[in-house]
N, C-alpha and C. Protein backbone atom coordinates (compact mmCIF):
# COMPACT_ATOMS: atom_id res chain seq x y z
N UNK A 1 110.39 -14.53 -23.37
CA UNK A 1 109.05 -14.53 -23.91
C UNK A 1 109.13 -14.11 -25.38
N UNK A 2 108.45 -14.85 -26.23
CA UNK A 2 108.42 -14.56 -27.66
C UNK A 2 107.37 -13.48 -27.91
N UNK A 3 107.80 -12.44 -28.61
CA UNK A 3 106.89 -11.32 -28.87
C UNK A 3 106.47 -11.31 -30.33
N UNK A 4 105.51 -10.47 -30.62
CA UNK A 4 105.01 -10.30 -31.99
C UNK A 4 106.11 -9.76 -32.89
N UNK A 5 107.05 -8.98 -32.31
CA UNK A 5 108.16 -8.44 -33.09
C UNK A 5 109.07 -9.54 -33.61
N UNK A 6 109.07 -10.70 -32.97
CA UNK A 6 109.86 -11.83 -33.42
C UNK A 6 109.04 -12.75 -34.33
N UNK A 7 107.79 -12.94 -34.00
CA UNK A 7 106.95 -13.89 -34.73
C UNK A 7 106.61 -13.37 -36.14
N UNK A 8 106.28 -12.10 -36.27
CA UNK A 8 105.88 -11.55 -37.57
C UNK A 8 106.97 -11.71 -38.64
N UNK A 9 108.22 -11.31 -38.37
CA UNK A 9 109.26 -11.51 -39.39
C UNK A 9 109.50 -13.00 -39.67
N UNK A 10 109.40 -13.81 -38.65
CA UNK A 10 109.58 -15.25 -38.84
C UNK A 10 108.51 -15.80 -39.76
N UNK A 11 107.27 -15.37 -39.57
CA UNK A 11 106.18 -15.81 -40.45
C UNK A 11 106.38 -15.32 -41.88
N UNK A 12 106.91 -14.11 -42.03
CA UNK A 12 107.20 -13.60 -43.37
C UNK A 12 108.23 -14.49 -44.07
N UNK A 13 109.29 -14.82 -43.36
CA UNK A 13 110.35 -15.65 -43.94
C UNK A 13 109.81 -17.03 -44.31
N UNK A 14 109.04 -17.63 -43.40
CA UNK A 14 108.46 -18.95 -43.68
C UNK A 14 107.52 -18.86 -44.88
N UNK A 15 106.71 -17.81 -44.94
CA UNK A 15 105.80 -17.63 -46.07
C UNK A 15 106.53 -17.48 -47.39
N UNK A 16 107.62 -16.72 -47.38
CA UNK A 16 108.40 -16.54 -48.61
C UNK A 16 109.03 -17.86 -49.03
N UNK A 17 109.60 -18.60 -48.08
CA UNK A 17 110.22 -19.88 -48.41
C UNK A 17 109.19 -20.86 -48.97
N UNK A 18 108.03 -20.94 -48.34
CA UNK A 18 106.98 -21.84 -48.84
C UNK A 18 106.48 -21.41 -50.21
N UNK A 19 106.39 -20.10 -50.44
CA UNK A 19 105.99 -19.60 -51.76
C UNK A 19 107.01 -19.98 -52.83
N UNK A 20 108.28 -19.84 -52.49
CA UNK A 20 109.33 -20.22 -53.44
C UNK A 20 109.30 -21.71 -53.75
N UNK A 21 109.11 -22.51 -52.72
CA UNK A 21 109.02 -23.97 -52.93
C UNK A 21 107.82 -24.30 -53.82
N UNK A 22 106.69 -23.63 -53.58
CA UNK A 22 105.50 -23.87 -54.39
C UNK A 22 105.74 -23.49 -55.84
N UNK A 23 106.35 -22.34 -56.07
CA UNK A 23 106.62 -21.90 -57.45
C UNK A 23 107.54 -22.89 -58.15
N UNK A 24 108.63 -23.29 -57.49
CA UNK A 24 109.56 -24.23 -58.12
C UNK A 24 108.91 -25.58 -58.38
N UNK A 25 108.05 -26.04 -57.46
CA UNK A 25 107.43 -27.36 -57.67
C UNK A 25 106.33 -27.30 -58.74
N UNK A 26 105.59 -26.22 -58.83
CA UNK A 26 104.53 -26.10 -59.83
C UNK A 26 105.13 -25.92 -61.23
N UNK A 27 106.11 -25.04 -61.34
CA UNK A 27 106.68 -24.74 -62.65
C UNK A 27 107.58 -25.89 -63.13
N UNK A 28 108.40 -26.40 -62.27
CA UNK A 28 109.27 -27.52 -62.62
C UNK A 28 110.56 -27.12 -63.31
N UNK A 29 110.60 -25.98 -63.94
CA UNK A 29 111.79 -25.50 -64.63
C UNK A 29 112.39 -24.37 -63.80
N UNK A 30 113.62 -24.56 -63.35
CA UNK A 30 114.24 -23.58 -62.45
C UNK A 30 114.39 -22.21 -63.12
N UNK A 31 114.80 -22.20 -64.39
CA UNK A 31 114.96 -20.91 -65.09
C UNK A 31 113.63 -20.16 -65.18
N UNK A 32 112.59 -20.88 -65.51
CA UNK A 32 111.28 -20.25 -65.62
C UNK A 32 110.77 -19.79 -64.26
N UNK A 33 111.01 -20.59 -63.23
CA UNK A 33 110.58 -20.22 -61.88
C UNK A 33 111.29 -18.96 -61.40
N UNK A 34 112.59 -18.90 -61.62
CA UNK A 34 113.34 -17.70 -61.23
C UNK A 34 112.85 -16.50 -62.03
N UNK A 35 112.57 -16.71 -63.32
CA UNK A 35 112.03 -15.63 -64.14
C UNK A 35 110.71 -15.11 -63.63
N UNK A 36 109.84 -16.02 -63.20
CA UNK A 36 108.55 -15.60 -62.64
C UNK A 36 108.75 -14.78 -61.37
N UNK A 37 109.68 -15.20 -60.55
CA UNK A 37 109.95 -14.46 -59.31
C UNK A 37 110.51 -13.07 -59.64
N UNK A 38 111.43 -13.02 -60.60
CA UNK A 38 112.01 -11.73 -60.99
C UNK A 38 110.92 -10.80 -61.53
N UNK A 39 110.05 -11.34 -62.37
CA UNK A 39 108.97 -10.52 -62.93
C UNK A 39 108.03 -10.05 -61.83
N UNK A 40 107.78 -10.91 -60.85
CA UNK A 40 106.92 -10.51 -59.73
C UNK A 40 107.50 -9.29 -59.00
N UNK A 41 108.80 -9.33 -58.73
CA UNK A 41 109.44 -8.19 -58.08
C UNK A 41 109.43 -6.96 -58.99
N UNK A 42 109.61 -7.18 -60.30
CA UNK A 42 109.57 -6.07 -61.24
C UNK A 42 108.21 -5.40 -61.28
N UNK A 43 107.16 -6.21 -61.29
CA UNK A 43 105.80 -5.65 -61.28
C UNK A 43 105.56 -4.88 -59.99
N UNK A 44 106.01 -5.44 -58.87
CA UNK A 44 105.85 -4.75 -57.59
C UNK A 44 106.60 -3.42 -57.60
N UNK A 45 107.80 -3.40 -58.17
CA UNK A 45 108.57 -2.16 -58.27
C UNK A 45 107.84 -1.12 -59.10
N UNK A 46 107.25 -1.55 -60.21
CA UNK A 46 106.51 -0.61 -61.07
C UNK A 46 105.27 -0.09 -60.34
N UNK A 47 104.56 -0.97 -59.66
CA UNK A 47 103.35 -0.55 -58.94
C UNK A 47 103.70 0.47 -57.85
N UNK A 48 104.67 0.14 -57.01
CA UNK A 48 105.02 1.05 -55.92
C UNK A 48 105.59 2.36 -56.44
N UNK A 49 106.40 2.29 -57.50
CA UNK A 49 106.94 3.53 -58.07
C UNK A 49 105.83 4.40 -58.66
N UNK A 50 104.84 3.77 -59.29
CA UNK A 50 103.71 4.53 -59.83
C UNK A 50 102.92 5.21 -58.72
N UNK A 51 102.66 4.47 -57.65
CA UNK A 51 101.94 5.05 -56.52
C UNK A 51 102.72 6.21 -55.92
N UNK A 52 104.03 6.01 -55.75
CA UNK A 52 104.87 7.07 -55.19
C UNK A 52 104.89 8.28 -56.11
N UNK A 53 105.00 8.03 -57.42
CA UNK A 53 105.06 9.13 -58.38
C UNK A 53 103.79 9.96 -58.35
N UNK A 54 102.64 9.31 -58.23
CA UNK A 54 101.37 10.03 -58.19
C UNK A 54 101.19 10.82 -56.90
N UNK A 55 101.82 10.36 -55.82
CA UNK A 55 101.63 11.03 -54.54
C UNK A 55 102.55 12.24 -54.35
N UNK A 56 103.55 12.39 -55.21
CA UNK A 56 104.50 13.49 -55.06
C UNK A 56 104.00 14.74 -55.81
N UNK A 57 104.48 15.88 -55.40
CA UNK A 57 104.06 17.15 -56.01
C UNK A 57 104.54 17.24 -57.45
N UNK A 58 103.65 17.74 -58.32
CA UNK A 58 104.02 17.89 -59.72
C UNK A 58 105.16 18.89 -59.85
N UNK A 59 106.13 18.54 -60.68
CA UNK A 59 107.26 19.42 -60.92
C UNK A 59 108.37 19.31 -59.89
N UNK A 60 108.17 18.53 -58.83
CA UNK A 60 109.22 18.42 -57.80
C UNK A 60 110.37 17.55 -58.31
N UNK A 61 111.54 17.80 -57.77
CA UNK A 61 112.72 17.04 -58.15
C UNK A 61 112.55 15.56 -57.80
N UNK A 62 111.95 15.29 -56.66
CA UNK A 62 111.75 13.90 -56.24
C UNK A 62 110.79 13.18 -57.18
N UNK A 63 109.78 13.89 -57.66
CA UNK A 63 108.84 13.26 -58.60
C UNK A 63 109.53 12.97 -59.93
N UNK A 64 110.40 13.89 -60.37
CA UNK A 64 111.15 13.64 -61.61
C UNK A 64 112.06 12.43 -61.44
N UNK A 65 112.73 12.35 -60.30
CA UNK A 65 113.60 11.20 -60.04
C UNK A 65 112.80 9.91 -59.98
N UNK A 66 111.64 9.96 -59.32
CA UNK A 66 110.79 8.77 -59.23
C UNK A 66 110.29 8.36 -60.62
N UNK A 67 109.99 9.33 -61.46
CA UNK A 67 109.60 9.02 -62.83
C UNK A 67 110.72 8.33 -63.60
N UNK A 68 111.96 8.81 -63.40
CA UNK A 68 113.11 8.17 -64.03
C UNK A 68 113.27 6.73 -63.54
N UNK A 69 113.14 6.56 -62.23
CA UNK A 69 113.25 5.22 -61.64
C UNK A 69 112.15 4.31 -62.19
N UNK A 70 110.95 4.85 -62.32
CA UNK A 70 109.83 4.09 -62.85
C UNK A 70 110.11 3.62 -64.28
N UNK A 71 110.62 4.53 -65.11
CA UNK A 71 110.95 4.14 -66.49
C UNK A 71 112.04 3.08 -66.53
N UNK A 72 113.04 3.21 -65.68
CA UNK A 72 114.09 2.19 -65.61
C UNK A 72 113.50 0.85 -65.20
N UNK A 73 112.62 0.87 -64.22
CA UNK A 73 111.97 -0.37 -63.76
C UNK A 73 111.15 -1.00 -64.88
N UNK A 74 110.44 -0.18 -65.64
CA UNK A 74 109.62 -0.70 -66.74
C UNK A 74 110.50 -1.35 -67.79
N UNK A 75 111.61 -0.70 -68.16
CA UNK A 75 112.50 -1.27 -69.17
C UNK A 75 113.15 -2.57 -68.68
N UNK A 76 113.55 -2.61 -67.42
CA UNK A 76 114.11 -3.85 -66.87
C UNK A 76 113.05 -4.95 -66.87
N UNK A 77 111.82 -4.60 -66.54
CA UNK A 77 110.72 -5.57 -66.54
C UNK A 77 110.46 -6.08 -67.96
N UNK A 78 110.45 -5.19 -68.93
CA UNK A 78 110.27 -5.61 -70.33
C UNK A 78 111.37 -6.57 -70.74
N UNK A 79 112.61 -6.26 -70.35
CA UNK A 79 113.72 -7.15 -70.70
C UNK A 79 113.58 -8.50 -70.01
N UNK A 80 113.13 -8.51 -68.76
CA UNK A 80 112.95 -9.78 -68.05
C UNK A 80 111.88 -10.63 -68.71
N UNK A 81 110.78 -10.01 -69.11
CA UNK A 81 109.72 -10.74 -69.81
C UNK A 81 110.25 -11.27 -71.14
N UNK A 82 110.96 -10.42 -71.87
CA UNK A 82 111.52 -10.85 -73.15
C UNK A 82 112.48 -12.00 -72.95
N UNK A 83 113.30 -11.93 -71.92
CA UNK A 83 114.28 -12.99 -71.65
C UNK A 83 113.60 -14.32 -71.36
N UNK A 84 112.52 -14.28 -70.60
CA UNK A 84 111.78 -15.52 -70.31
C UNK A 84 111.16 -16.08 -71.59
N UNK A 85 110.56 -15.20 -72.37
CA UNK A 85 109.96 -15.65 -73.63
C UNK A 85 111.02 -16.20 -74.58
N UNK A 86 112.19 -15.59 -74.58
CA UNK A 86 113.30 -16.09 -75.39
C UNK A 86 113.72 -17.49 -74.92
N UNK A 87 113.72 -17.70 -73.61
CA UNK A 87 114.05 -19.02 -73.09
C UNK A 87 113.02 -20.08 -73.46
N UNK A 88 111.77 -19.66 -73.57
CA UNK A 88 110.70 -20.61 -73.92
C UNK A 88 110.70 -20.90 -75.42
N UNK A 89 110.78 -19.84 -76.23
CA UNK A 89 110.63 -20.00 -77.68
C UNK A 89 111.96 -20.13 -78.43
N UNK A 90 113.08 -19.88 -77.77
CA UNK A 90 114.41 -20.00 -78.38
C UNK A 90 114.50 -19.23 -79.70
N UNK A 91 114.23 -17.94 -79.61
CA UNK A 91 114.25 -17.10 -80.80
C UNK A 91 115.66 -17.00 -81.35
N UNK A 92 115.80 -17.15 -82.64
CA UNK A 92 117.10 -17.03 -83.28
C UNK A 92 117.12 -15.93 -84.33
N UNK A 93 115.99 -15.30 -84.56
CA UNK A 93 115.91 -14.32 -85.63
C UNK A 93 116.06 -12.91 -85.08
N UNK A 94 115.34 -12.01 -85.69
CA UNK A 94 115.42 -10.59 -85.32
C UNK A 94 114.99 -10.33 -83.89
N UNK A 95 114.28 -11.27 -83.26
CA UNK A 95 113.81 -11.05 -81.89
C UNK A 95 114.96 -10.89 -80.90
N UNK A 96 116.11 -11.45 -81.25
CA UNK A 96 117.29 -11.27 -80.39
C UNK A 96 117.64 -9.78 -80.32
N UNK A 97 117.52 -9.09 -81.44
CA UNK A 97 117.85 -7.67 -81.49
C UNK A 97 116.86 -6.83 -80.70
N UNK A 98 115.63 -7.30 -80.56
CA UNK A 98 114.66 -6.60 -79.73
C UNK A 98 115.18 -6.54 -78.28
N UNK A 99 115.68 -7.66 -77.79
CA UNK A 99 116.23 -7.69 -76.44
C UNK A 99 117.41 -6.76 -76.28
N UNK A 100 118.29 -6.74 -77.29
CA UNK A 100 119.42 -5.83 -77.24
C UNK A 100 118.95 -4.37 -77.22
N UNK A 101 117.93 -4.08 -78.01
CA UNK A 101 117.39 -2.73 -78.05
C UNK A 101 116.81 -2.32 -76.71
N UNK A 102 116.04 -3.21 -76.10
CA UNK A 102 115.46 -2.90 -74.79
C UNK A 102 116.55 -2.70 -73.76
N UNK A 103 117.57 -3.54 -73.79
CA UNK A 103 118.67 -3.42 -72.84
C UNK A 103 119.42 -2.10 -73.05
N UNK A 104 119.62 -1.72 -74.29
CA UNK A 104 120.27 -0.44 -74.59
C UNK A 104 119.44 0.73 -74.08
N UNK A 105 118.13 0.70 -74.33
CA UNK A 105 117.25 1.76 -73.82
C UNK A 105 117.27 1.81 -72.30
N UNK A 106 117.34 0.64 -71.68
CA UNK A 106 117.40 0.58 -70.22
C UNK A 106 118.63 1.32 -69.70
N UNK A 107 119.79 1.06 -70.32
CA UNK A 107 120.99 1.73 -69.85
C UNK A 107 120.98 3.21 -70.18
N UNK A 108 120.35 3.61 -71.29
CA UNK A 108 120.18 5.04 -71.55
C UNK A 108 119.35 5.68 -70.44
N UNK A 109 118.30 4.99 -70.01
CA UNK A 109 117.47 5.53 -68.93
C UNK A 109 118.26 5.62 -67.62
N UNK A 110 119.11 4.61 -67.35
CA UNK A 110 119.94 4.67 -66.15
C UNK A 110 120.92 5.84 -66.22
N UNK A 111 121.51 6.07 -67.38
CA UNK A 111 122.42 7.20 -67.53
C UNK A 111 121.67 8.51 -67.32
N UNK A 112 120.48 8.63 -67.89
CA UNK A 112 119.67 9.82 -67.72
C UNK A 112 119.32 10.01 -66.24
N UNK A 113 118.93 8.92 -65.56
CA UNK A 113 118.60 9.01 -64.13
C UNK A 113 119.82 9.39 -63.31
N UNK A 114 120.99 8.84 -63.66
CA UNK A 114 122.21 9.17 -62.93
C UNK A 114 122.57 10.65 -63.11
N UNK A 115 122.38 11.15 -64.32
CA UNK A 115 122.63 12.58 -64.56
C UNK A 115 121.66 13.43 -63.74
N UNK A 116 120.42 12.99 -63.66
CA UNK A 116 119.43 13.72 -62.87
C UNK A 116 119.82 13.72 -61.39
N UNK A 117 120.32 12.60 -60.90
CA UNK A 117 120.79 12.52 -59.52
C UNK A 117 121.95 13.50 -59.31
N UNK A 118 122.85 13.56 -60.29
CA UNK A 118 123.96 14.51 -60.21
C UNK A 118 123.46 15.95 -60.12
N UNK A 119 122.47 16.27 -60.92
CA UNK A 119 121.89 17.62 -60.89
C UNK A 119 121.21 17.90 -59.55
N UNK A 120 120.51 16.91 -59.02
CA UNK A 120 119.87 17.07 -57.70
C UNK A 120 120.95 17.30 -56.64
N UNK A 121 122.04 16.53 -56.75
CA UNK A 121 123.13 16.70 -55.79
C UNK A 121 123.74 18.08 -55.84
N UNK A 122 123.88 18.61 -57.06
CA UNK A 122 124.43 19.96 -57.19
C UNK A 122 123.46 21.00 -56.64
N UNK A 123 122.18 20.77 -56.86
CA UNK A 123 121.18 21.75 -56.44
C UNK A 123 120.95 21.72 -54.93
N UNK A 124 120.84 20.52 -54.38
CA UNK A 124 120.50 20.40 -52.96
C UNK A 124 121.67 19.94 -52.10
N UNK A 125 122.80 19.68 -52.73
CA UNK A 125 123.95 19.19 -51.98
C UNK A 125 124.54 20.27 -51.11
N UNK A 126 125.53 19.90 -50.37
CA UNK A 126 126.15 20.81 -49.42
C UNK A 126 127.55 21.19 -49.86
N UNK A 127 127.80 21.11 -51.17
CA UNK A 127 129.13 21.44 -51.68
C UNK A 127 129.50 22.89 -51.37
N UNK A 128 128.56 23.79 -51.59
CA UNK A 128 128.83 25.21 -51.35
C UNK A 128 129.13 25.45 -49.87
N UNK A 129 128.30 24.85 -49.00
CA UNK A 129 128.51 25.02 -47.57
C UNK A 129 129.86 24.41 -47.14
N UNK A 130 130.18 23.25 -47.71
CA UNK A 130 131.45 22.60 -47.36
C UNK A 130 132.63 23.47 -47.80
N UNK A 131 132.53 24.06 -48.97
CA UNK A 131 133.60 24.94 -49.45
C UNK A 131 133.72 26.17 -48.56
N UNK A 132 132.60 26.74 -48.12
CA UNK A 132 132.63 27.90 -47.22
C UNK A 132 133.27 27.54 -45.89
N UNK A 133 132.96 26.35 -45.37
CA UNK A 133 133.55 25.91 -44.10
C UNK A 133 135.05 25.73 -44.26
N UNK A 134 135.48 25.11 -45.37
CA UNK A 134 136.92 24.94 -45.61
C UNK A 134 137.62 26.29 -45.68
N UNK A 135 136.97 27.26 -46.34
CA UNK A 135 137.56 28.59 -46.46
C UNK A 135 137.67 29.26 -45.09
N UNK A 136 136.63 29.12 -44.27
CA UNK A 136 136.68 29.70 -42.93
C UNK A 136 137.78 29.07 -42.09
N UNK A 137 137.92 27.76 -42.17
CA UNK A 137 138.97 27.06 -41.40
C UNK A 137 140.34 27.51 -41.88
N UNK A 138 140.51 27.61 -43.21
CA UNK A 138 141.78 28.04 -43.76
C UNK A 138 142.11 29.48 -43.33
N UNK A 139 141.10 30.36 -43.41
CA UNK A 139 141.31 31.76 -43.00
C UNK A 139 141.65 31.85 -41.51
N UNK A 140 141.01 31.03 -40.71
CA UNK A 140 141.27 31.04 -39.27
C UNK A 140 142.70 30.58 -38.98
N UNK A 141 143.16 29.58 -39.74
CA UNK A 141 144.52 29.11 -39.55
C UNK A 141 145.53 30.19 -39.95
N UNK A 142 145.22 30.91 -41.04
CA UNK A 142 146.11 31.98 -41.48
C UNK A 142 146.17 33.13 -40.48
N UNK A 143 145.03 33.42 -39.85
CA UNK A 143 144.96 34.50 -38.87
C UNK A 143 145.72 34.13 -37.59
N UNK A 144 145.72 32.86 -37.25
CA UNK A 144 146.38 32.44 -36.01
C UNK A 144 147.90 32.38 -36.15
N UNK A 145 148.42 32.43 -37.36
CA UNK A 145 149.88 32.37 -37.55
C UNK A 145 150.53 33.68 -37.33
C-alpha cells in the first residue's frame, strides 16, 4: 500500500523537476537558468539564516555563528548576482575587480567563521574531558604494573 510518506517526497521531486524544466524553457539560456536557480537558493539561505539569527538568544555563541554564516551567504549571493550580470553585460573594465573584491571578502568571512568555529570547539568541545580520560587510563595502567 502506498502511503503519504512515499507520495509526499515523490511529489516534491516531481515538482522540482517540473520547475527546473520550466525555468530552462522560459529562460532559454542554460547559464542564466542555472544562475537563477543558484540565486534562488542563495536568497532562501539568507532568509532562513536571518530568521534563525533573530530567534536565537542575543550574545549566544550559536547566534554569533549564525551571523557569520549569514554574512558568508550574503557575500556568496552578491558574487552570484555579479557573476550573472557579468555574463549578461560582458564587463571588461573595472567591474571585473568588483567581483574579485567580493570573492576576497567572502573568503575573509569564511576564515573568520572557521576561526569562530574553532573557538566554539575549544570552549564547548570535549578536549579537556578526553585528556582527563586518557590520563586516568594511563594512570590505571601504571598502577596495574
